[in-house]
Amino acid sequence: TVYGVCPPDQFQRCRIEHRLACPAQPLPDLWPWLTCLRGE
């Protein structure tokens, strides 16, 4: 299940979707504010 608790326990491990690491798919915009900052 998606674990949206912020901030998580510092030792908690999780899994990530393959699409985030897939070399054939574009990386999604994980942090929109960072994308805006990069543009500026």
All heavy atoms as atom14 arrays in JSON, in Angstrom:
{
  "sequence": "TVYGVCPPDQFQRCRIEHRLACPAQPLPDLWPWLTCLRGE",
  "atom14_mask": [
    [1, 1, 1, 1, 1, 1, 1, 0, 0, 0, 0, 0, 0, 0],
    [1, 1, 1, 1, 1, 1, 1, 0, 0, 0, 0, 0, 0, 0],
    [1, 1, 1, 1, 1, 1, 1, 1, 1, 1, 1, 1, 0, 0],
    [1, 1, 1, 1, 0, 0, 0, 0, 0, 0, 0, 0, 0, 0],
    [1, 1, 1, 1, 1, 1, 1, 0, 0, 0, 0, 0, 0, 0],
    [1, 1, 1, 1, 1, 1, 0, 0, 0, 0, 0, 0, 0, 0],
    [1, 1, 1, 1, 1, 1, 1, 0, 0, 0, 0, 0, 0, 0],
    [1, 1, 1, 1, 1, 1, 1, 0, 0, 0, 0, 0, 0, 0],
    [1, 1, 1, 1, 1, 1, 1, 1, 0, 0, 0, 0, 0, 0],
    [1, 1, 1, 1, 1, 1, 1, 1, 1, 0, 0, 0, 0, 0],
    [1, 1, 1, 1, 1, 1, 1, 1, 1, 1, 1, 0, 0, 0],
    [1, 1, 1, 1, 1, 1, 1, 1, 1, 0, 0, 0, 0, 0],
    [1, 1, 1, 1, 1, 1, 1, 1, 1, 1, 1, 0, 0, 0],
    [1, 1, 1, 1, 1, 1, 0, 0, 0, 0, 0, 0, 0, 0],
    [1, 1, 1, 1, 1, 1, 1, 1, 1, 1, 1, 0, 0, 0],
    [1, 1, 1, 1, 1, 1, 1, 1, 0, 0, 0, 0, 0, 0],
    [1, 1, 1, 1, 1, 1, 1, 1, 1, 0, 0, 0, 0, 0],
    [1, 1, 1, 1, 1, 1, 1, 1, 1, 1, 0, 0, 0, 0],
    [1, 1, 1, 1, 1, 1, 1, 1, 1, 1, 1, 0, 0, 0],
    [1, 1, 1, 1, 1, 1, 1, 1, 0, 0, 0, 0, 0, 0],
    [1, 1, 1, 1, 1, 0, 0, 0, 0, 0, 0, 0, 0, 0],
    [1, 1, 1, 1, 1, 1, 0, 0, 0, 0, 0, 0, 0, 0],
    [1, 1, 1, 1, 1, 1, 1, 0, 0, 0, 0, 0, 0, 0],
    [1, 1, 1, 1, 1, 0, 0, 0, 0, 0, 0, 0, 0, 0],
    [1, 1, 1, 1, 1, 1, 1, 1, 1, 0, 0, 0, 0, 0],
    [1, 1, 1, 1, 1, 1, 1, 0, 0, 0, 0, 0, 0, 0],
    [1, 1, 1, 1, 1, 1, 1, 1, 0, 0, 0, 0, 0, 0],
    [1, 1, 1, 1, 1, 1, 1, 0, 0, 0, 0, 0, 0, 0],
    [1, 1, 1, 1, 1, 1, 1, 1, 0, 0, 0, 0, 0, 0],
    [1, 1, 1, 1, 1, 1, 1, 1, 0, 0, 0, 0, 0, 0],
    [1, 1, 1, 1, 1, 1, 1, 1, 1, 1, 1, 1, 1, 1],
    [1, 1, 1, 1, 1, 1, 1, 0, 0, 0, 0, 0, 0, 0],
    [1, 1, 1, 1, 1, 1, 1, 1, 1, 1, 1, 1, 1, 1],
    [1, 1, 1, 1, 1, 1, 1, 1, 0, 0, 0, 0, 0, 0],
    [1, 1, 1, 1, 1, 1, 1, 0, 0, 0, 0, 0, 0, 0],
    [1, 1, 1, 1, 1, 1, 0, 0, 0, 0, 0, 0, 0, 0],
    [1, 1, 1, 1, 1, 1, 1, 1, 0, 0, 0, 0, 0, 0],
    [1, 1, 1, 1, 1, 1, 1, 1, 1, 1, 1, 0, 0, 0],
    [1, 1, 1, 1, 0, 0, 0, 0, 0, 0, 0, 0, 0, 0],
    [1, 1, 1, 1, 1, 1, 1, 1, 1, 0, 0, 0, 0, 0]
  ],
  "atom14_positions": [
    [[0.85, -1.18, 0.0], [0.0, 0.0, 0.0], [0.89, 1.23, 0.0], [2.02, 1.18, 0.48], [-0.96, 0.01, 1.21], [-1.88, 1.09, 1.08], [-0.21, 0.14, 2.52], [0.0, 0.0, 0.0], [0.0, 0.0, 0.0], [0.0, 0.0, 0.0], [0.0, 0.0, 0.0], [0.0, 0.0, 0.0], [0.0, 0.0, 0.0], [0.0, 0.0, 0.0]],
    [[0.35, 2.32, -0.55], [1.09, 3.58, -0.54], [1.13, 4.09, 0.89], [0.13, 4.08, 1.6], [0.45, 4.62, -1.48], [1.11, 5.97, -1.34], [0.54, 4.14, -2.92], [0.0, 0.0, 0.0], [0.0, 0.0, 0.0], [0.0, 0.0, 0.0], [0.0, 0.0, 0.0], [0.0, 0.0, 0.0], [0.0, 0.0, 0.0], [0.0, 0.0, 0.0]],
    [[2.31, 4.52, 1.32], [2.54, 4.96, 2.7], [2.83, 6.45, 2.68], [3.96, 6.86, 2.48], [3.69, 4.16, 3.28], [3.98, 4.4, 4.74], [3.08, 3.99, 5.71], [5.15, 5.01, 5.15], [3.35, 4.18, 7.06], [5.43, 5.21, 6.49], [4.53, 4.78, 7.44], [4.8, 4.97, 8.76], [0.0, 0.0, 0.0], [0.0, 0.0, 0.0]],
    [[1.8, 7.27, 2.86], [1.95, 8.7, 2.76], [2.23, 9.42, 4.05], [2.08, 10.63, 4.11], [0.0, 0.0, 0.0], [0.0, 0.0, 0.0], [0.0, 0.0, 0.0], [0.0, 0.0, 0.0], [0.0, 0.0, 0.0], [0.0, 0.0, 0.0], [0.0, 0.0, 0.0], [0.0, 0.0, 0.0], [0.0, 0.0, 0.0], [0.0, 0.0, 0.0]],
    [[2.63, 8.71, 5.1], [2.91, 9.35, 6.38], [4.16, 10.23, 6.24], [5.18, 9.79, 5.72], [3.12, 8.3, 7.5], [3.57, 8.95, 8.78], [1.86, 7.5, 7.71], [0.0, 0.0, 0.0], [0.0, 0.0, 0.0], [0.0, 0.0, 0.0], [0.0, 0.0, 0.0], [0.0, 0.0, 0.0], [0.0, 0.0, 0.0], [0.0, 0.0, 0.0]],
    [[4.05, 11.46, 6.68], [5.2, 12.39, 6.61], [5.46, 12.95, 7.99], [4.55, 13.48, 8.61], [4.91, 13.52, 5.64], [5.06, 13.03, 3.95], [0.0, 0.0, 0.0], [0.0, 0.0, 0.0], [0.0, 0.0, 0.0], [0.0, 0.0, 0.0], [0.0, 0.0, 0.0], [0.0, 0.0, 0.0], [0.0, 0.0, 0.0], [0.0, 0.0, 0.0]],
    [[6.63, 12.96, 8.48], [7.75, 12.18, 7.96], [7.66, 10.75, 8.47], [7.18, 10.52, 9.57], [8.97, 12.9, 8.55], [8.47, 13.48, 9.84], [7.03, 13.83, 9.6], [0.0, 0.0, 0.0], [0.0, 0.0, 0.0], [0.0, 0.0, 0.0], [0.0, 0.0, 0.0], [0.0, 0.0, 0.0], [0.0, 0.0, 0.0], [0.0, 0.0, 0.0]],
    [[8.11, 9.81, 7.68], [8.08, 8.41, 8.13], [9.17, 8.16, 9.16], [10.08, 8.98, 9.34], [8.35, 7.62, 6.85], [9.15, 8.56, 6.02], [8.66, 9.94, 6.34], [0.0, 0.0, 0.0], [0.0, 0.0, 0.0], [0.0, 0.0, 0.0], [0.0, 0.0, 0.0], [0.0, 0.0, 0.0], [0.0, 0.0, 0.0], [0.0, 0.0, 0.0]],
    [[9.08, 7.03, 9.81], [10.14, 6.59, 10.73], [11.45, 6.58, 9.95], [11.5, 6.14, 8.8], [9.79, 5.18, 11.21], [10.83, 4.58, 12.14], [12.03, 4.89, 12.01], [10.44, 3.77, 13.0], [0.0, 0.0, 0.0], [0.0, 0.0, 0.0], [0.0, 0.0, 0.0], [0.0, 0.0, 0.0], [0.0, 0.0, 0.0], [0.0, 0.0, 0.0]],
    [[12.51, 7.04, 10.55], [13.79, 7.17, 9.84], [14.38, 5.83, 9.39], [15.24, 5.8, 8.52], [14.8, 7.93, 10.68], [15.2, 7.23, 11.96], [16.25, 7.99, 12.73], [16.95, 8.81, 12.17], [16.37, 7.72, 14.01], [0.0, 0.0, 0.0], [0.0, 0.0, 0.0], [0.0, 0.0, 0.0], [0.0, 0.0, 0.0], [0.0, 0.0, 0.0]],
    [[13.91, 4.73, 9.95], [14.43, 3.42, 9.57], [13.45, 2.63, 8.7], [13.76, 1.51, 8.28], [14.8, 2.6, 10.81], [15.84, 3.28, 11.65], [15.51, 3.84, 12.88], [17.15, 3.4, 11.2], [16.46, 4.49, 13.65], [18.11, 4.05, 11.97], [17.77, 4.59, 13.19], [0.0, 0.0, 0.0], [0.0, 0.0, 0.0], [0.0, 0.0, 0.0]],
    [[12.27, 3.17, 8.42], [11.25, 2.5, 7.61], [11.76, 2.31, 6.18], [12.28, 3.23, 5.57], [9.97, 3.33, 7.58], [8.88, 2.78, 6.68], [8.23, 1.55, 7.24], [7.81, 1.54, 8.39], [8.16, 0.51, 6.46], [0.0, 0.0, 0.0], [0.0, 0.0, 0.0], [0.0, 0.0, 0.0], [0.0, 0.0, 0.0], [0.0, 0.0, 0.0]],
    [[11.63, 1.11, 5.68], [12.0, 0.8, 4.29], [10.73, 0.75, 3.45], [9.64, 0.51, 3.96], [12.72, -0.55, 4.2], [14.04, -0.59, 4.91], [15.08, 0.08, 4.09], [16.38, 0.1, 4.77], [17.47, 0.5, 4.17], [17.44, 0.9, 2.92], [18.6, 0.51, 4.83], [0.0, 0.0, 0.0], [0.0, 0.0, 0.0], [0.0, 0.0, 0.0]],
    [[10.87, 0.99, 2.16], [9.72, 0.93, 1.28], [10.15, 0.34, -0.06], [11.31, -0.01, -0.25], [9.11, 2.33, 1.08], [10.14, 3.48, 0.16], [0.0, 0.0, 0.0], [0.0, 0.0, 0.0], [0.0, 0.0, 0.0], [0.0, 0.0, 0.0], [0.0, 0.0, 0.0], [0.0, 0.0, 0.0], [0.0, 0.0, 0.0], [0.0, 0.0, 0.0]],
    [[9.2, 0.22, -0.97], [9.45, -0.23, -2.33], [9.06, 0.91, -3.26], [8.27, 1.78, -2.89], [8.58, -1.45, -2.66], [8.72, -2.66, -1.74], [9.97, -3.47, -1.95], [10.21, -3.9, -3.31], [9.8, -5.04, -3.84], [9.09, -5.89, -3.12], [10.09, -5.36, -5.09], [0.0, 0.0, 0.0], [0.0, 0.0, 0.0], [0.0, 0.0, 0.0]],
    [[9.59, 0.89, -4.48], [9.19, 1.89, -5.47], [8.71, 1.19, -6.73], [9.13, 0.07, -7.03], [10.33, 2.88, -5.82], [11.52, 2.16, -6.44], [10.74, 3.69, -4.61], [12.52, 3.09, -7.07], [0.0, 0.0, 0.0], [0.0, 0.0, 0.0], [0.0, 0.0, 0.0], [0.0, 0.0, 0.0], [0.0, 0.0, 0.0], [0.0, 0.0, 0.0]],
    [[7.83, 1.87, -7.44], [7.32, 1.33, -8.69], [8.44, 1.26, -9.72], [9.29, 2.15, -9.79], [6.21, 2.2, -9.26], [4.92, 2.11, -8.48], [3.87, 2.99, -9.1], [3.37, 2.65, -10.21], [3.55, 4.02, -8.5], [0.0, 0.0, 0.0], [0.0, 0.0, 0.0], [0.0, 0.0, 0.0], [0.0, 0.0, 0.0], [0.0, 0.0, 0.0]],
    [[8.39, 0.23, -10.54], [9.39, 0.09, -11.6], [9.35, 1.28, -12.55], [10.38, 1.7, -13.06], [9.17, -1.22, -12.38], [10.0, -1.3, -13.61], [11.37, -1.49, -13.57], [9.67, -1.15, -14.92], [11.83, -1.48, -14.81], [10.83, -1.28, -15.64], [0.0, 0.0, 0.0], [0.0, 0.0, 0.0], [0.0, 0.0, 0.0], [0.0, 0.0, 0.0]],
    [[8.18, 1.88, -12.77], [8.09, 2.98, -13.75], [8.98, 4.15, -13.37], [9.38, 4.92, -14.23], [6.64, 3.43, -13.94], [6.05, 4.18, -12.78], [4.6, 4.55, -13.04], [4.05, 5.24, -11.9], [4.06, 6.56, -11.76], [4.57, 7.32, -12.7], [3.54, 7.11, -10.68], [0.0, 0.0, 0.0], [0.0, 0.0, 0.0], [0.0, 0.0, 0.0]],
    [[9.32, 4.29, -12.09], [10.23, 5.36, -11.67], [11.66, 5.07, -12.08], [12.47, 5.98, -12.21], [10.16, 5.57, -10.16], [8.81, 6.0, -9.6], [8.89, 6.1, -8.09], [8.34, 7.29, -10.22], [0.0, 0.0, 0.0], [0.0, 0.0, 0.0], [0.0, 0.0, 0.0], [0.0, 0.0, 0.0], [0.0, 0.0, 0.0], [0.0, 0.0, 0.0]],
    [[11.99, 3.79, -12.28], [13.34, 3.4, -12.65], [13.43, 2.89, -14.09], [14.51, 2.57, -14.56], [13.83, 2.31, -11.7], [0.0, 0.0, 0.0], [0.0, 0.0, 0.0], [0.0, 0.0, 0.0], [0.0, 0.0, 0.0], [0.0, 0.0, 0.0], [0.0, 0.0, 0.0], [0.0, 0.0, 0.0], [0.0, 0.0, 0.0], [0.0, 0.0, 0.0]],
    [[12.3, 2.82, -14.77], [12.25, 2.28, -16.13], [12.99, 3.19, -17.1], [12.67, 4.38, -17.21], [10.8, 2.12, -16.58], [10.64, 1.44, -18.24], [0.0, 0.0, 0.0], [0.0, 0.0, 0.0], [0.0, 0.0, 0.0], [0.0, 0.0, 0.0], [0.0, 0.0, 0.0], [0.0, 0.0, 0.0], [0.0, 0.0, 0.0], [0.0, 0.0, 0.0]],
    [[13.98, 2.65, -17.82], [14.73, 3.48, -18.76], [13.93, 3.87, -20.0], [14.32, 4.77, -20.73], [15.92, 2.6, -19.13], [15.44, 1.21, -18.93], [14.48, 1.27, -17.78], [0.0, 0.0, 0.0], [0.0, 0.0, 0.0], [0.0, 0.0, 0.0], [0.0, 0.0, 0.0], [0.0, 0.0, 0.0], [0.0, 0.0, 0.0], [0.0, 0.0, 0.0]],
    [[12.8, 3.21, -20.24], [12.02, 3.48, -21.45], [10.83, 4.41, -21.2], [10.05, 4.66, -22.1], [11.53, 2.16, -22.03], [0.0, 0.0, 0.0], [0.0, 0.0, 0.0], [0.0, 0.0, 0.0], [0.0, 0.0, 0.0], [0.0, 0.0, 0.0], [0.0, 0.0, 0.0], [0.0, 0.0, 0.0], [0.0, 0.0, 0.0], [0.0, 0.0, 0.0]],
    [[10.66, 4.89, -19.97], [9.55, 5.78, -19.65], [10.1, 7.1, -19.1], [11.1, 7.1, -18.39], [8.62, 5.15, -18.6], [7.93, 3.91, -19.08], [6.96, 3.4, -18.03], [6.02, 4.08, -17.68], [7.21, 2.2, -17.54], [0.0, 0.0, 0.0], [0.0, 0.0, 0.0], [0.0, 0.0, 0.0], [0.0, 0.0, 0.0], [0.0, 0.0, 0.0]],
    [[9.43, 8.21, -19.42], [9.89, 9.49, -18.85], [9.63, 9.52, -17.35], [8.64, 8.96, -16.87], [9.05, 10.53, -19.59], [7.85, 9.8, -20.08], [8.27, 8.37, -20.29], [0.0, 0.0, 0.0], [0.0, 0.0, 0.0], [0.0, 0.0, 0.0], [0.0, 0.0, 0.0], [0.0, 0.0, 0.0], [0.0, 0.0, 0.0], [0.0, 0.0, 0.0]],
    [[10.54, 10.15, -16.64], [10.38, 10.27, -15.19], [9.24, 11.23, -14.9], [9.18, 12.32, -15.46], [11.68, 10.8, -14.57], [11.76, 10.81, -13.05], [11.65, 9.38, -12.51], [13.06, 11.42, -12.6], [0.0, 0.0, 0.0], [0.0, 0.0, 0.0], [0.0, 0.0, 0.0], [0.0, 0.0, 0.0], [0.0, 0.0, 0.0], [0.0, 0.0, 0.0]],
    [[8.31, 10.85, -14.03], [7.2, 11.76, -13.7], [7.71, 12.97, -12.92], [8.8, 12.96, -12.36], [6.28, 10.89, -12.84], [7.15, 9.84, -12.28], [8.23, 9.6, -13.29], [0.0, 0.0, 0.0], [0.0, 0.0, 0.0], [0.0, 0.0, 0.0], [0.0, 0.0, 0.0], [0.0, 0.0, 0.0], [0.0, 0.0, 0.0], [0.0, 0.0, 0.0]],
    [[6.9, 14.0, -12.9], [7.23, 15.23, -12.18], [6.96, 14.99, -10.69], [5.86, 15.2, -10.21], [6.36, 16.36, -12.72], [6.72, 17.7, -12.14], [7.79, 17.81, -11.5], [5.95, 18.64, -12.33], [0.0, 0.0, 0.0], [0.0, 0.0, 0.0], [0.0, 0.0, 0.0], [0.0, 0.0, 0.0], [0.0, 0.0, 0.0], [0.0, 0.0, 0.0]],
    [[7.98, 14.51, -9.97], [7.8, 14.14, -8.57], [7.62, 15.35, -7.65], [6.93, 15.27, -6.66], [8.99, 13.31, -8.08], [9.2, 11.99, -8.81], [10.4, 11.25, -8.24], [7.97, 11.12, -8.71], [0.0, 0.0, 0.0], [0.0, 0.0, 0.0], [0.0, 0.0, 0.0], [0.0, 0.0, 0.0], [0.0, 0.0, 0.0], [0.0, 0.0, 0.0]],
    [[8.29, 16.43, -7.96], [8.21, 17.63, -7.13], [7.9, 18.82, -8.04], [8.8, 19.44, -8.58], [9.52, 17.88, -6.39], [9.89, 16.79, -5.45], [9.35, 16.57, -4.23], [10.86, 15.77, -5.65], [9.95, 15.47, -3.65], [10.88, 14.97, -4.5], [11.74, 15.47, -6.69], [11.72, 13.88, -4.36], [12.57, 14.38, -6.55], [12.55, 13.6, -5.41]],
    [[6.61, 19.16, -8.24], [6.26, 20.27, -9.14], [6.98, 21.57, -8.8], [7.4, 22.3, -9.68], [4.75, 20.4, -8.98], [4.3, 19.05, -8.53], [5.43, 18.51, -7.69], [0.0, 0.0, 0.0], [0.0, 0.0, 0.0], [0.0, 0.0, 0.0], [0.0, 0.0, 0.0], [0.0, 0.0, 0.0], [0.0, 0.0, 0.0], [0.0, 0.0, 0.0]],
    [[7.16, 21.86, -7.52], [7.83, 23.1, -7.16], [9.28, 23.1, -7.62], [9.84, 24.12, -8.0], [7.75, 23.37, -5.65], [8.43, 22.34, -4.81], [7.87, 21.23, -4.24], [9.81, 22.3, -4.45], [8.81, 20.5, -3.57], [10.02, 21.14, -3.66], [10.9, 23.13, -4.7], [11.25, 20.8, -3.14], [12.14, 22.77, -4.18], [12.3, 21.61, -3.41]],
    [[9.9, 21.91, -7.64], [11.29, 21.82, -8.09], [11.37, 22.02, -9.61], [12.29, 22.66, -10.11], [11.88, 20.47, -7.71], [13.36, 20.26, -8.02], [14.22, 21.32, -7.34], [13.79, 18.88, -7.59], [0.0, 0.0, 0.0], [0.0, 0.0, 0.0], [0.0, 0.0, 0.0], [0.0, 0.0, 0.0], [0.0, 0.0, 0.0], [0.0, 0.0, 0.0]],
    [[10.37, 21.51, -10.33], [10.32, 21.74, -11.77], [10.2, 23.23, -12.07], [10.87, 23.75, -12.96], [9.16, 20.96, -12.4], [9.35, 19.56, -12.12], [9.08, 21.16, -13.89], [0.0, 0.0, 0.0], [0.0, 0.0, 0.0], [0.0, 0.0, 0.0], [0.0, 0.0, 0.0], [0.0, 0.0, 0.0], [0.0, 0.0, 0.0], [0.0, 0.0, 0.0]],
    [[9.36, 23.93, -11.31], [9.22, 25.39, -11.48], [10.55, 26.09, -11.17], [10.95, 27.01, -11.89], [8.13, 25.93, -10.57], [6.48, 25.41, -11.06], [0.0, 0.0, 0.0], [0.0, 0.0, 0.0], [0.0, 0.0, 0.0], [0.0, 0.0, 0.0], [0.0, 0.0, 0.0], [0.0, 0.0, 0.0], [0.0, 0.0, 0.0], [0.0, 0.0, 0.0]],
    [[11.2, 25.65, -10.11], [12.48, 26.25, -9.74], [13.52, 26.02, -10.84], [14.28, 26.93, -11.18], [12.97, 25.68, -8.41], [14.32, 26.18, -7.91], [14.28, 27.69, -7.67], [14.7, 25.45, -6.63], [0.0, 0.0, 0.0], [0.0, 0.0, 0.0], [0.0, 0.0, 0.0], [0.0, 0.0, 0.0], [0.0, 0.0, 0.0], [0.0, 0.0, 0.0]],
    [[13.55, 24.83, -11.4], [14.49, 24.55, -12.49], [14.22, 25.47, -13.68], [15.14, 25.98, -14.31], [14.37, 23.1, -12.94], [15.01, 22.14, -12.0], [14.92, 20.74, -12.55], [15.46, 19.8, -11.6], [14.99, 18.59, -11.41], [13.97, 18.17, -12.12], [15.54, 17.79, -10.54], [0.0, 0.0, 0.0], [0.0, 0.0, 0.0], [0.0, 0.0, 0.0]],
    [[12.94, 25.68, -13.99], [12.58, 26.56, -15.1], [13.03, 27.99, -14.84], [13.58, 28.66, -15.73], [0.0, 0.0, 0.0], [0.0, 0.0, 0.0], [0.0, 0.0, 0.0], [0.0, 0.0, 0.0], [0.0, 0.0, 0.0], [0.0, 0.0, 0.0], [0.0, 0.0, 0.0], [0.0, 0.0, 0.0], [0.0, 0.0, 0.0], [0.0, 0.0, 0.0]],
    [[12.81, 28.47, -13.62], [13.24, 29.83, -13.27], [14.76, 29.94, -13.31], [15.31, 30.94, -13.8], [12.71, 30.22, -11.89], [13.08, 31.61, -11.45], [12.67, 32.71, -12.43], [11.64, 32.57, -13.11], [13.39, 33.73, -12.5], [0.0, 0.0, 0.0], [0.0, 0.0, 0.0], [0.0, 0.0, 0.0], [0.0, 0.0, 0.0], [0.0, 0.0, 0.0]]
  ]
}
